[in-house]
Amino acid sequence: MTNFLENKRILLIVSGGIASYKSLDLIRRLQEKKVKVDCILTESAKKFINPITFESLLGSKVYSNLFSLSQEKEMSHIKLASNSDAIVVIPCTANFIAKMANGIADDLSLNVLLASNKIKIIAPAMNTNMFNNEAVKLNLK
């Protein structure tokens, strides 16, 4: 069977939620399929899991700060957006969904999403009551 993911580049955005650790398993599975993975951690995500864990698994640095001069010299939010074949947000919290839906770009991850015309996949992760809330449903449309 052909591996259609081989040599593709996925930008993984990890937002802050208790399910943040599950993104590590996704990275491992993508790497098994020979996918190149870049990663952005939101500030909230860093409260759940240490960036060093991601860097160790990826073998490269993780991005998080929109205004970091050293990161900006190496790769801007525009370059991160254009270098990927797709963007995956896991876990995608209700807060992150709301910001995406309303075009709020107050951090690196949301700026990249706005700057990208690539496929975007989200993995919503929240309490069932939150997921069924009308505001969240509207934001998911």
N, C-alpha and C. Protein backbone atom coordinates (compact mmCIF):
# COMPACT_ATOMS: atom_id res chain seq x y z
N MET A 1 0.83 -1.17 0.00
CA MET A 1 0.00 0.00 0.00
C MET A 1 0.89 1.25 0.00
N THR A 2 0.52 2.24 -0.78
CA THR A 2 1.27 3.48 -0.88
C THR A 2 1.03 4.35 0.35
N ASN A 3 2.11 4.92 0.85
CA ASN A 3 2.02 5.83 1.98
C ASN A 3 1.88 7.25 1.44
N PHE A 4 0.66 7.75 1.34
CA PHE A 4 0.43 9.08 0.77
C PHE A 4 0.94 10.20 1.67
N LEU A 5 1.27 9.88 2.91
CA LEU A 5 1.78 10.89 3.83
C LEU A 5 3.30 11.06 3.76
N GLU A 6 3.97 10.09 3.16
CA GLU A 6 5.43 10.11 3.14
C GLU A 6 5.95 11.41 2.54
N ASN A 7 6.91 12.00 3.23
CA ASN A 7 7.56 13.26 2.83
C ASN A 7 6.64 14.47 2.86
N LYS A 8 5.48 14.35 3.45
CA LYS A 8 4.62 15.51 3.65
C LYS A 8 5.08 16.23 4.91
N ARG A 9 4.71 17.49 5.02
CA ARG A 9 5.07 18.28 6.20
C ARG A 9 3.78 18.74 6.87
N ILE A 10 3.64 18.36 8.13
CA ILE A 10 2.47 18.73 8.93
C ILE A 10 2.91 19.72 10.00
N LEU A 11 2.17 20.79 10.12
CA LEU A 11 2.38 21.71 11.23
C LEU A 11 1.36 21.36 12.30
N LEU A 12 1.86 20.94 13.44
CA LEU A 12 1.01 20.54 14.55
C LEU A 12 0.92 21.70 15.53
N ILE A 13 -0.29 22.15 15.81
CA ILE A 13 -0.52 23.19 16.81
C ILE A 13 -1.15 22.52 18.02
N VAL A 14 -0.48 22.66 19.15
CA VAL A 14 -0.97 22.06 20.39
C VAL A 14 -1.51 23.19 21.26
N SER A 15 -2.82 23.18 21.48
CA SER A 15 -3.42 24.19 22.35
C SER A 15 -3.53 23.61 23.76
N GLY A 16 -3.87 24.46 24.71
CA GLY A 16 -3.83 24.05 26.11
C GLY A 16 -5.07 23.34 26.57
N GLY A 17 -4.92 22.09 26.87
CA GLY A 17 -6.00 21.30 27.42
C GLY A 17 -5.42 20.05 28.04
N ILE A 18 -6.19 19.40 28.85
CA ILE A 18 -5.72 18.19 29.52
C ILE A 18 -5.31 17.12 28.51
N ALA A 19 -5.86 17.18 27.31
CA ALA A 19 -5.54 16.20 26.27
C ALA A 19 -4.28 16.55 25.48
N SER A 20 -3.54 17.56 25.90
CA SER A 20 -2.33 17.97 25.19
C SER A 20 -1.33 16.83 25.02
N TYR A 21 -1.25 15.97 26.01
CA TYR A 21 -0.28 14.87 25.95
C TYR A 21 -0.55 13.93 24.77
N LYS A 22 -1.80 13.87 24.30
CA LYS A 22 -2.13 12.97 23.19
C LYS A 22 -1.45 13.38 21.89
N SER A 23 -1.06 14.63 21.80
CA SER A 23 -0.38 15.09 20.60
C SER A 23 0.98 14.40 20.43
N LEU A 24 1.58 13.98 21.52
CA LEU A 24 2.86 13.26 21.45
C LEU A 24 2.71 11.94 20.71
N ASP A 25 1.62 11.25 20.95
CA ASP A 25 1.36 9.99 20.25
C ASP A 25 1.12 10.25 18.76
N LEU A 26 0.43 11.32 18.45
CA LEU A 26 0.21 11.66 17.04
C LEU A 26 1.53 11.95 16.34
N ILE A 27 2.41 12.67 17.00
CA ILE A 27 3.73 12.94 16.41
C ILE A 27 4.45 11.64 16.11
N ARG A 28 4.46 10.74 17.08
CA ARG A 28 5.14 9.46 16.89
C ARG A 28 4.55 8.70 15.70
N ARG A 29 3.24 8.67 15.61
CA ARG A 29 2.57 7.95 14.51
C ARG A 29 2.86 8.60 13.15
N LEU A 30 2.88 9.91 13.12
CA LEU A 30 3.21 10.61 11.87
C LEU A 30 4.65 10.33 11.46
N GLN A 31 5.55 10.34 12.43
CA GLN A 31 6.95 10.05 12.14
C GLN A 31 7.12 8.64 11.59
N GLU A 32 6.34 7.69 12.09
CA GLU A 32 6.39 6.32 11.57
C GLU A 32 6.00 6.28 10.09
N LYS A 33 5.16 7.23 9.67
CA LYS A 33 4.71 7.32 8.27
C LYS A 33 5.63 8.21 7.44
N LYS A 34 6.79 8.57 8.02
CA LYS A 34 7.79 9.40 7.35
C LYS A 34 7.29 10.82 7.06
N VAL A 35 6.46 11.32 7.96
CA VAL A 35 5.96 12.69 7.85
C VAL A 35 6.90 13.62 8.61
N LYS A 36 7.20 14.76 8.02
CA LYS A 36 7.98 15.78 8.72
C LYS A 36 7.01 16.59 9.55
N VAL A 37 7.33 16.78 10.83
CA VAL A 37 6.42 17.47 11.74
C VAL A 37 7.11 18.70 12.34
N ASP A 38 6.45 19.85 12.19
CA ASP A 38 6.83 21.06 12.91
C ASP A 38 5.77 21.26 13.98
N CYS A 39 6.12 21.96 15.04
CA CYS A 39 5.18 22.06 16.16
C CYS A 39 5.17 23.46 16.76
N ILE A 40 3.96 23.94 17.00
CA ILE A 40 3.75 25.18 17.75
C ILE A 40 2.99 24.81 19.02
N LEU A 41 3.51 25.26 20.15
CA LEU A 41 2.81 25.10 21.43
C LEU A 41 2.26 26.46 21.84
N THR A 42 0.99 26.51 22.19
CA THR A 42 0.45 27.75 22.73
C THR A 42 0.96 27.91 24.17
N GLU A 43 0.85 29.11 24.68
CA GLU A 43 1.25 29.35 26.07
C GLU A 43 0.47 28.45 27.02
N SER A 44 -0.81 28.24 26.73
CA SER A 44 -1.63 27.36 27.57
C SER A 44 -1.14 25.92 27.51
N ALA A 45 -0.73 25.48 26.34
CA ALA A 45 -0.24 24.10 26.19
C ALA A 45 0.99 23.87 27.05
N LYS A 46 1.85 24.89 27.15
CA LYS A 46 3.08 24.76 27.93
C LYS A 46 2.80 24.60 29.42
N LYS A 47 1.58 24.90 29.85
CA LYS A 47 1.21 24.69 31.25
C LYS A 47 0.86 23.23 31.51
N PHE A 48 0.58 22.48 30.45
CA PHE A 48 0.22 21.07 30.58
C PHE A 48 1.39 20.14 30.27
N ILE A 49 2.27 20.56 29.37
CA ILE A 49 3.37 19.69 28.96
C ILE A 49 4.57 20.54 28.57
N ASN A 50 5.75 20.09 28.94
CA ASN A 50 6.98 20.84 28.74
C ASN A 50 7.42 20.80 27.28
N PRO A 51 7.83 21.93 26.71
CA PRO A 51 8.31 21.96 25.33
C PRO A 51 9.49 21.01 25.08
N ILE A 52 10.29 20.77 26.10
CA ILE A 52 11.44 19.87 25.94
C ILE A 52 10.99 18.47 25.54
N THR A 53 9.85 18.03 26.03
CA THR A 53 9.32 16.72 25.66
C THR A 53 9.07 16.66 24.15
N PHE A 54 8.49 17.71 23.61
CA PHE A 54 8.24 17.77 22.16
C PHE A 54 9.54 17.85 21.38
N GLU A 55 10.47 18.68 21.86
CA GLU A 55 11.74 18.84 21.16
C GLU A 55 12.51 17.53 21.12
N SER A 56 12.46 16.77 22.20
CA SER A 56 13.14 15.47 22.24
C SER A 56 12.55 14.51 21.23
N LEU A 57 11.24 14.48 21.14
CA LEU A 57 10.56 13.58 20.21
C LEU A 57 10.76 14.01 18.77
N LEU A 58 10.70 15.31 18.52
CA LEU A 58 10.81 15.83 17.16
C LEU A 58 12.25 15.90 16.66
N GLY A 59 13.17 16.09 17.59
CA GLY A 59 14.56 16.29 17.19
C GLY A 59 14.78 17.69 16.64
N SER A 60 13.86 18.59 16.93
CA SER A 60 13.98 19.98 16.49
C SER A 60 13.25 20.87 17.49
N LYS A 61 13.44 22.18 17.34
CA LYS A 61 12.81 23.09 18.29
C LYS A 61 11.32 23.22 18.05
N VAL A 62 10.64 23.63 19.08
CA VAL A 62 9.20 23.91 18.99
C VAL A 62 9.05 25.43 19.00
N TYR A 63 8.03 25.89 18.36
CA TYR A 63 7.76 27.33 18.27
C TYR A 63 6.63 27.69 19.21
N SER A 64 6.69 28.91 19.75
CA SER A 64 5.59 29.32 20.61
C SER A 64 5.42 30.83 20.67
N ASN A 65 6.49 31.57 20.51
CA ASN A 65 6.43 33.00 20.73
C ASN A 65 6.42 33.76 19.41
N LEU A 66 5.37 34.52 19.19
CA LEU A 66 5.24 35.31 17.97
C LEU A 66 6.32 36.36 17.85
N PHE A 67 6.77 36.87 18.98
CA PHE A 67 7.70 38.00 18.95
C PHE A 67 9.12 37.65 19.36
N SER A 68 9.49 36.38 19.26
CA SER A 68 10.86 35.97 19.59
C SER A 68 11.78 36.32 18.42
N LEU A 69 12.74 37.18 18.65
CA LEU A 69 13.62 37.61 17.56
C LEU A 69 14.43 36.47 16.98
N SER A 70 14.93 35.57 17.83
CA SER A 70 15.73 34.46 17.30
C SER A 70 14.88 33.54 16.44
N GLN A 71 13.64 33.30 16.86
CA GLN A 71 12.76 32.46 16.04
C GLN A 71 12.38 33.18 14.76
N GLU A 72 12.15 34.48 14.83
CA GLU A 72 11.72 35.24 13.65
C GLU A 72 12.79 35.22 12.57
N LYS A 73 14.06 35.26 12.95
CA LYS A 73 15.14 35.20 11.96
C LYS A 73 15.15 33.86 11.24
N GLU A 74 14.80 32.81 11.96
CA GLU A 74 14.84 31.48 11.38
C GLU A 74 13.59 31.13 10.61
N MET A 75 12.43 31.49 11.15
CA MET A 75 11.19 31.11 10.48
C MET A 75 10.04 31.98 10.97
N SER A 76 9.49 32.77 10.08
CA SER A 76 8.37 33.63 10.46
C SER A 76 7.07 32.85 10.43
N HIS A 77 6.00 33.47 10.93
CA HIS A 77 4.69 32.82 10.90
C HIS A 77 4.25 32.58 9.46
N ILE A 78 4.67 33.42 8.55
CA ILE A 78 4.32 33.23 7.14
C ILE A 78 5.04 31.99 6.59
N LYS A 79 6.30 31.85 6.95
CA LYS A 79 7.06 30.69 6.47
C LYS A 79 6.52 29.40 7.07
N LEU A 80 6.19 29.41 8.36
CA LEU A 80 5.60 28.22 8.98
C LEU A 80 4.31 27.84 8.26
N ALA A 81 3.51 28.83 7.92
CA ALA A 81 2.23 28.57 7.23
C ALA A 81 2.46 28.02 5.83
N SER A 82 3.42 28.58 5.12
CA SER A 82 3.60 28.16 3.72
C SER A 82 4.40 26.87 3.57
N ASN A 83 5.21 26.53 4.57
CA ASN A 83 6.03 25.31 4.47
C ASN A 83 5.26 24.03 4.72
N SER A 84 4.07 24.12 5.29
CA SER A 84 3.33 22.91 5.65
C SER A 84 2.37 22.50 4.55
N ASP A 85 2.10 21.19 4.49
CA ASP A 85 1.09 20.67 3.57
C ASP A 85 -0.29 20.71 4.23
N ALA A 86 -0.30 20.68 5.55
CA ALA A 86 -1.56 20.75 6.31
C ALA A 86 -1.23 21.20 7.73
N ILE A 87 -2.25 21.71 8.40
CA ILE A 87 -2.11 22.13 9.80
C ILE A 87 -3.12 21.34 10.62
N VAL A 88 -2.64 20.77 11.72
CA VAL A 88 -3.49 20.00 12.62
C VAL A 88 -3.46 20.66 13.99
N VAL A 89 -4.64 20.93 14.55
CA VAL A 89 -4.73 21.50 15.90
C VAL A 89 -5.26 20.41 16.82
N ILE A 90 -4.40 19.99 17.78
CA ILE A 90 -4.77 18.92 18.71
C ILE A 90 -4.14 19.22 20.07
N PRO A 91 -4.85 19.26 21.12
CA PRO A 91 -6.30 19.32 21.20
C PRO A 91 -6.76 20.71 20.81
N CYS A 92 -7.95 20.82 20.32
CA CYS A 92 -8.51 22.12 19.95
C CYS A 92 -9.59 22.47 20.96
N THR A 93 -9.26 23.38 21.85
CA THR A 93 -10.16 23.76 22.94
C THR A 93 -11.28 24.67 22.44
N ALA A 94 -12.30 24.84 23.25
CA ALA A 94 -13.41 25.74 22.91
C ALA A 94 -12.89 27.17 22.72
N ASN A 95 -11.96 27.57 23.55
CA ASN A 95 -11.38 28.91 23.44
C ASN A 95 -10.64 29.07 22.11
N PHE A 96 -9.86 28.06 21.73
CA PHE A 96 -9.10 28.12 20.49
C PHE A 96 -10.05 28.13 19.29
N ILE A 97 -11.09 27.32 19.34
CA ILE A 97 -12.09 27.28 18.27
C ILE A 97 -12.74 28.66 18.11
N ALA A 98 -13.08 29.30 19.23
CA ALA A 98 -13.70 30.63 19.19
C ALA A 98 -12.77 31.65 18.54
N LYS A 99 -11.51 31.60 18.90
CA LYS A 99 -10.55 32.54 18.32
C LYS A 99 -10.38 32.28 16.82
N MET A 100 -10.30 31.02 16.43
CA MET A 100 -10.19 30.69 15.00
C MET A 100 -11.41 31.21 14.24
N ALA A 101 -12.59 30.94 14.77
CA ALA A 101 -13.83 31.30 14.09
C ALA A 101 -13.99 32.81 13.93
N ASN A 102 -13.41 33.55 14.84
CA ASN A 102 -13.59 35.00 14.82
C ASN A 102 -12.36 35.76 14.34
N GLY A 103 -11.38 35.04 13.81
CA GLY A 103 -10.21 35.68 13.23
C GLY A 103 -9.31 36.38 14.23
N ILE A 104 -9.34 35.95 15.47
CA ILE A 104 -8.47 36.54 16.49
C ILE A 104 -7.09 35.92 16.35
N ALA A 105 -6.09 36.78 16.23
CA ALA A 105 -4.72 36.30 16.03
C ALA A 105 -3.82 36.91 17.09
N ASP A 106 -3.97 36.45 18.32
CA ASP A 106 -3.22 37.04 19.42
C ASP A 106 -2.01 36.21 19.85
N ASP A 107 -1.65 35.22 19.06
CA ASP A 107 -0.43 34.46 19.33
C ASP A 107 0.10 33.88 18.01
N LEU A 108 1.23 33.20 18.09
CA LEU A 108 1.86 32.64 16.89
C LEU A 108 0.94 31.66 16.17
N SER A 109 0.35 30.74 16.91
CA SER A 109 -0.47 29.69 16.29
C SER A 109 -1.64 30.27 15.50
N LEU A 110 -2.32 31.24 16.05
CA LEU A 110 -3.47 31.84 15.38
C LEU A 110 -3.06 32.71 14.20
N ASN A 111 -1.90 33.36 14.29
CA ASN A 111 -1.37 34.10 13.14
C ASN A 111 -1.05 33.16 11.99
N VAL A 112 -0.45 32.02 12.32
CA VAL A 112 -0.13 31.03 11.28
C VAL A 112 -1.40 30.53 10.61
N LEU A 113 -2.42 30.23 11.40
CA LEU A 113 -3.68 29.75 10.83
C LEU A 113 -4.29 30.78 9.88
N LEU A 114 -4.25 32.05 10.25
CA LEU A 114 -4.78 33.09 9.37
C LEU A 114 -3.95 33.26 8.11
N ALA A 115 -2.65 33.04 8.22
CA ALA A 115 -1.75 33.23 7.08
C ALA A 115 -1.72 32.04 6.13
N SER A 116 -2.32 30.94 6.53
CA SER A 116 -2.23 29.71 5.74
C SER A 116 -3.47 29.48 4.87
N ASN A 117 -3.21 29.01 3.66
CA ASN A 117 -4.31 28.58 2.78
C ASN A 117 -4.32 27.05 2.65
N LYS A 118 -3.61 26.39 3.55
CA LYS A 118 -3.50 24.93 3.52
C LYS A 118 -4.66 24.27 4.26
N ILE A 119 -4.76 22.96 4.11
CA ILE A 119 -5.79 22.18 4.80
C ILE A 119 -5.60 22.34 6.31
N LYS A 120 -6.70 22.54 7.00
CA LYS A 120 -6.67 22.66 8.47
C LYS A 120 -7.58 21.59 9.06
N ILE A 121 -7.03 20.84 10.00
CA ILE A 121 -7.78 19.78 10.67
C ILE A 121 -7.75 20.09 12.16
N ILE A 122 -8.93 20.04 12.79
CA ILE A 122 -8.95 20.27 14.24
C ILE A 122 -9.49 19.03 14.94
N ALA A 123 -8.99 18.81 16.14
CA ALA A 123 -9.46 17.71 16.99
C ALA A 123 -10.03 18.34 18.26
N PRO A 124 -11.33 18.69 18.24
CA PRO A 124 -11.93 19.31 19.42
C PRO A 124 -11.78 18.43 20.65
N ALA A 125 -11.45 19.07 21.77
CA ALA A 125 -11.29 18.34 23.02
C ALA A 125 -11.78 19.22 24.15
N MET A 126 -12.93 18.82 24.70
CA MET A 126 -13.52 19.58 25.80
C MET A 126 -14.62 18.75 26.43
N ASN A 127 -15.12 19.21 27.53
CA ASN A 127 -16.24 18.60 28.21
C ASN A 127 -17.45 18.56 27.27
N THR A 128 -18.25 17.51 27.35
CA THR A 128 -19.41 17.34 26.48
C THR A 128 -20.37 18.52 26.56
N ASN A 129 -20.60 19.04 27.75
CA ASN A 129 -21.49 20.20 27.89
C ASN A 129 -20.93 21.41 27.14
N MET A 130 -19.63 21.58 27.20
CA MET A 130 -19.01 22.69 26.46
C MET A 130 -19.16 22.46 24.95
N PHE A 131 -18.89 21.24 24.52
CA PHE A 131 -18.97 20.93 23.08
C PHE A 131 -20.39 21.15 22.55
N ASN A 132 -21.39 20.86 23.36
CA ASN A 132 -22.79 21.00 22.95
C ASN A 132 -23.34 22.41 23.14
N ASN A 133 -22.54 23.31 23.68
CA ASN A 133 -22.97 24.69 23.88
C ASN A 133 -23.19 25.36 22.52
N GLU A 134 -24.25 26.15 22.43
CA GLU A 134 -24.61 26.80 21.16
C GLU A 134 -23.48 27.66 20.61
N ALA A 135 -22.76 28.35 21.47
CA ALA A 135 -21.66 29.20 21.01
C ALA A 135 -20.58 28.37 20.33
N VAL A 136 -20.25 27.23 20.92
CA VAL A 136 -19.24 26.36 20.32
C VAL A 136 -19.75 25.80 19.00
N LYS A 137 -21.01 25.39 18.97
CA LYS A 137 -21.59 24.86 17.72
C LYS A 137 -21.53 25.91 16.61
N LEU A 138 -21.85 27.15 16.94
CA LEU A 138 -21.77 28.23 15.94
C LEU A 138 -20.34 28.44 15.46
N ASN A 139 -19.41 28.39 16.39
CA ASN A 139 -18.00 28.59 16.03
C ASN A 139 -17.46 27.46 15.17
N LEU A 140 -18.04 26.29 15.27
CA LEU A 140 -17.58 25.15 14.47
C LEU A 140 -18.13 25.15 13.04
N LYS A 141 -19.12 25.99 12.77
CA LYS A 141 -19.71 26.03 11.42
C LYS A 141 -18.77 26.63 10.41
